[in-house]
Amino acid sequence: MEDIFNLQPNKIPTNLGTYPMIWLSEDTGDGKSYSMNLFLNQICEANKKPLFIMLEDRYQMIPNIMAVRVRSIPELMSLIAKLKTPKAKELYSCIVIDTIDKLDSMLENYVATSKEVEI
């Protein structure tokens, strides 16, 4: 049990960049990626940018987005290896996966194909 005579108030960090975030919407084209890019660029360090891992092609119309298009799980695995390097950590403030539904579908297909099972 904690010592009630030496408790300290809980301190919440105010740096929004330290919090994981998920923005949801039922409809495509609601501006989630556009808005997320604007928001993250406002809170990230001046010399770093958010990196969007795009699993769809609609990002081409978003100004100033730093994005890489991924079409398969092997491509994603290769990208993850690159993101673990010091150079990538210097360049990017955070990683955004857009969209998680597409990632889930890609993973399901990859596992089914590589394991020769039906999901």
C-alpha atoms as a PDB file:
ATOM      1  CA  MET A   1       0.000   0.000   0.000  1.00  0.00           C
ATOM      2  CA  GLU A   2       1.196   3.508  -0.782  1.00  0.00           C
ATOM      3  CA  ASP A   3       2.190   5.930   1.943  1.00  0.00           C
ATOM      4  CA  ILE A   4      -0.750   8.355   2.057  1.00  0.00           C
ATOM      5  CA  PHE A   5       1.384  10.960   3.814  1.00  0.00           C
ATOM      6  CA  ASN A   6       3.822  11.257   0.894  1.00  0.00           C
ATOM      7  CA  LEU A   7       1.513  11.121  -2.122  1.00  0.00           C
ATOM      8  CA  GLN A   8       2.194  13.510  -4.995  1.00  0.00           C
ATOM      9  CA  PRO A   9      -0.388  14.841  -7.463  1.00  0.00           C
ATOM     10  CA  ASN A  10      -0.489  13.039 -10.791  1.00  0.00           C
ATOM     11  CA  LYS A  11       1.290  15.041 -13.511  1.00  0.00           C
ATOM     12  CA  ILE A  12       0.075  14.586 -17.072  1.00  0.00           C
ATOM     13  CA  PRO A  13       2.564  15.469 -19.843  1.00  0.00           C
ATOM     14  CA  THR A  14       1.329  18.252 -22.092  1.00  0.00           C
ATOM     15  CA  ASN A  15       3.392  17.174 -25.112  1.00  0.00           C
ATOM     16  CA  LEU A  16       0.731  15.738 -27.425  1.00  0.00           C
ATOM     17  CA  GLY A  17       3.444  14.085 -29.489  1.00  0.00           C
ATOM     18  CA  THR A  18       3.923  11.510 -26.728  1.00  0.00           C
ATOM     19  CA  TYR A  19       0.382  10.151 -27.026  1.00  0.00           C
ATOM     20  CA  PRO A  20      -0.668   7.474 -29.521  1.00  0.00           C
ATOM     21  CA  MET A  21      -3.730   8.598 -31.482  1.00  0.00           C
ATOM     22  CA  ILE A  22      -6.402   7.039 -33.619  1.00  0.00           C
ATOM     23  CA  TRP A  23      -8.796   9.091 -35.728  1.00  0.00           C
ATOM     24  CA  LEU A  24     -11.863   7.200 -36.868  1.00  0.00           C
ATOM     25  CA  SER A  25     -14.624   7.802 -39.328  1.00  0.00           C
ATOM     26  CA  GLU A  26     -17.060   5.484 -41.018  1.00  0.00           C
ATOM     27  CA  ASP A  27     -16.822   7.264 -44.356  1.00  0.00           C
ATOM     28  CA  THR A  28     -13.843   7.529 -46.678  1.00  0.00           C
ATOM     29  CA  GLY A  29     -12.895  10.993 -47.853  1.00  0.00           C
ATOM     30  CA  ASP A  30     -13.740  12.738 -44.552  1.00  0.00           C
ATOM     31  CA  GLY A  31     -10.304  14.357 -44.400  1.00  0.00           C
ATOM     32  CA  LYS A  32      -8.787  12.196 -41.650  1.00  0.00           C
ATOM     33  CA  SER A  33      -5.355  11.939 -43.306  1.00  0.00           C
ATOM     34  CA  TYR A  34      -5.331  15.609 -44.275  1.00  0.00           C
ATOM     35  CA  SER A  35      -6.306  16.709 -40.762  1.00  0.00           C
ATOM     36  CA  MET A  36      -3.884  14.305 -39.085  1.00  0.00           C
ATOM     37  CA  ASN A  37      -1.040  15.586 -41.279  1.00  0.00           C
ATOM     38  CA  LEU A  38      -1.836  19.225 -40.372  1.00  0.00           C
ATOM     39  CA  PHE A  39      -2.108  18.421 -36.667  1.00  0.00           C
ATOM     40  CA  LEU A  40       1.067  16.347 -36.447  1.00  0.00           C
ATOM     41  CA  ASN A  41       3.092  18.920 -38.365  1.00  0.00           C
ATOM     42  CA  GLN A  42       2.023  21.554 -35.823  1.00  0.00           C
ATOM     43  CA  ILE A  43       3.193  19.568 -32.794  1.00  0.00           C
ATOM     44  CA  CYS A  44       6.315  17.853 -34.166  1.00  0.00           C
ATOM     45  CA  GLU A  45       9.848  19.156 -33.837  1.00  0.00           C
ATOM     46  CA  ALA A  46      10.854  21.651 -36.533  1.00  0.00           C
ATOM     47  CA  ASN A  47      13.368  19.316 -38.165  1.00  0.00           C
ATOM     48  CA  LYS A  48      11.138  16.227 -38.159  1.00  0.00           C
ATOM     49  CA  LYS A  49       7.987  15.268 -40.055  1.00  0.00           C
ATOM     50  CA  PRO A  50       5.357  12.584 -39.547  1.00  0.00           C
ATOM     51  CA  LEU A  51       5.661   9.646 -41.945  1.00  0.00           C
ATOM     52  CA  PHE A  52       2.437   8.215 -43.308  1.00  0.00           C
ATOM     53  CA  ILE A  53       2.441   4.557 -44.315  1.00  0.00           C
ATOM     54  CA  MET A  54      -0.306   4.627 -46.903  1.00  0.00           C
ATOM     55  CA  LEU A  55      -2.205   1.477 -47.768  1.00  0.00           C
ATOM     56  CA  GLU A  56      -4.477   3.332 -50.220  1.00  0.00           C
ATOM     57  CA  ASP A  57      -3.770   5.783 -53.056  1.00  0.00           C
ATOM     58  CA  ARG A  58      -5.851   8.785 -51.982  1.00  0.00           C
ATOM     59  CA  TYR A  59      -2.939  10.572 -50.285  1.00  0.00           C
ATOM     60  CA  GLN A  60      -1.652  12.118 -53.558  1.00  0.00           C
ATOM     61  CA  MET A  61      -3.988  15.093 -53.085  1.00  0.00           C
ATOM     62  CA  ILE A  62      -2.714  15.976 -49.577  1.00  0.00           C
ATOM     63  CA  PRO A  63      -0.222  18.865 -49.707  1.00  0.00           C
ATOM     64  CA  ASN A  64       3.117  18.500 -47.887  1.00  0.00           C
ATOM     65  CA  ILE A  65       2.487  14.950 -46.702  1.00  0.00           C
ATOM     66  CA  MET A  66       5.491  12.659 -46.279  1.00  0.00           C
ATOM     67  CA  ALA A  67       4.080   9.334 -47.405  1.00  0.00           C
ATOM     68  CA  VAL A  68       5.175   5.972 -48.668  1.00  0.00           C
ATOM     69  CA  ARG A  69       2.728   3.649 -50.438  1.00  0.00           C
ATOM     70  CA  VAL A  70       2.814   0.037 -49.225  1.00  0.00           C
ATOM     71  CA  ARG A  71       1.037  -2.673 -51.207  1.00  0.00           C
ATOM     72  CA  SER A  72       2.052  -5.877 -49.430  1.00  0.00           C
ATOM     73  CA  ILE A  73       3.231  -7.286 -46.117  1.00  0.00           C
ATOM     74  CA  PRO A  74       6.747  -8.009 -47.464  1.00  0.00           C
ATOM     75  CA  GLU A  75       6.981  -4.321 -48.494  1.00  0.00           C
ATOM     76  CA  LEU A  76       5.820  -3.322 -45.016  1.00  0.00           C
ATOM     77  CA  MET A  77       8.386  -5.597 -43.362  1.00  0.00           C
ATOM     78  CA  SER A  78      11.142  -4.052 -45.490  1.00  0.00           C
ATOM     79  CA  LEU A  79       9.954  -0.568 -44.542  1.00  0.00           C
ATOM     80  CA  ILE A  80       9.892  -1.452 -40.843  1.00  0.00           C
ATOM     81  CA  ALA A  81      13.535  -2.566 -41.054  1.00  0.00           C
ATOM     82  CA  LYS A  82      14.434   0.830 -42.566  1.00  0.00           C
ATOM     83  CA  LEU A  83      12.432   2.691 -39.912  1.00  0.00           C
ATOM     84  CA  LYS A  84      14.532   1.099 -37.166  1.00  0.00           C
ATOM     85  CA  THR A  85      17.671   2.830 -38.419  1.00  0.00           C
ATOM     86  CA  PRO A  86      19.066   5.944 -36.714  1.00  0.00           C
ATOM     87  CA  LYS A  87      18.666   7.938 -39.949  1.00  0.00           C
ATOM     88  CA  ALA A  88      14.910   7.272 -40.064  1.00  0.00           C
ATOM     89  CA  LYS A  89      14.567   8.173 -36.389  1.00  0.00           C
ATOM     90  CA  GLU A  90      16.253  11.510 -37.120  1.00  0.00           C
ATOM     91  CA  LEU A  91      13.920  12.280 -40.032  1.00  0.00           C
ATOM     92  CA  TYR A  92      10.482  11.321 -38.724  1.00  0.00           C
ATOM     93  CA  SER A  93       8.630  12.436 -35.614  1.00  0.00           C
ATOM     94  CA  CYS A  94       6.086   9.617 -35.729  1.00  0.00           C
ATOM     95  CA  ILE A  95       4.569   6.948 -37.950  1.00  0.00           C
ATOM     96  CA  VAL A  96       0.949   6.937 -39.125  1.00  0.00           C
ATOM     97  CA  ILE A  97      -0.613   3.806 -40.627  1.00  0.00           C
ATOM     98  CA  ASP A  98      -3.440   4.781 -42.945  1.00  0.00           C
ATOM     99  CA  THR A  99      -5.733   2.834 -42.770  1.00  0.00           C
ATOM    100  CA  ILE A 100      -5.821   0.122 -40.159  1.00  0.00           C
ATOM    101  CA  ASP A 101      -8.688  -1.688 -41.927  1.00  0.00           C
ATOM    102  CA  LYS A 102      -6.489  -2.151 -44.995  1.00  0.00           C
ATOM    103  CA  LEU A 103      -3.613  -3.362 -42.817  1.00  0.00           C
ATOM    104  CA  ASP A 104      -5.883  -5.923 -41.172  1.00  0.00           C
ATOM    105  CA  SER A 105      -7.007  -7.181 -44.572  1.00  0.00           C
ATOM    106  CA  MET A 106      -3.413  -7.355 -45.867  1.00  0.00           C
ATOM    107  CA  LEU A 107      -2.278  -9.287 -42.787  1.00  0.00           C
ATOM    108  CA  GLU A 108      -5.178 -11.698 -43.035  1.00  0.00           C
ATOM    109  CA  ASN A 109      -4.422 -12.415 -46.701  1.00  0.00           C
ATOM    110  CA  TYR A 110      -0.693 -12.755 -46.039  1.00  0.00           C
ATOM    111  CA  VAL A 111      -1.175 -15.240 -43.208  1.00  0.00           C
ATOM    112  CA  ALA A 112      -3.718 -17.248 -45.180  1.00  0.00           C
ATOM    113  CA  THR A 113      -1.454 -17.410 -48.229  1.00  0.00           C
ATOM    114  CA  SER A 114       1.807 -18.097 -46.399  1.00  0.00           C
ATOM    115  CA  LYS A 115       0.247 -20.741 -44.152  1.00  0.00           C
ATOM    116  CA  GLU A 116      -1.942 -22.139 -46.920  1.00  0.00           C
ATOM    117  CA  VAL A 117      -5.065 -21.811 -44.800  1.00  0.00           C
ATOM    118  CA  GLU A 118      -8.434 -20.215 -45.308  1.00  0.00           C
ATOM    119  CA  ILE A 119      -9.449 -17.518 -42.865  1.00  0.00           C
END
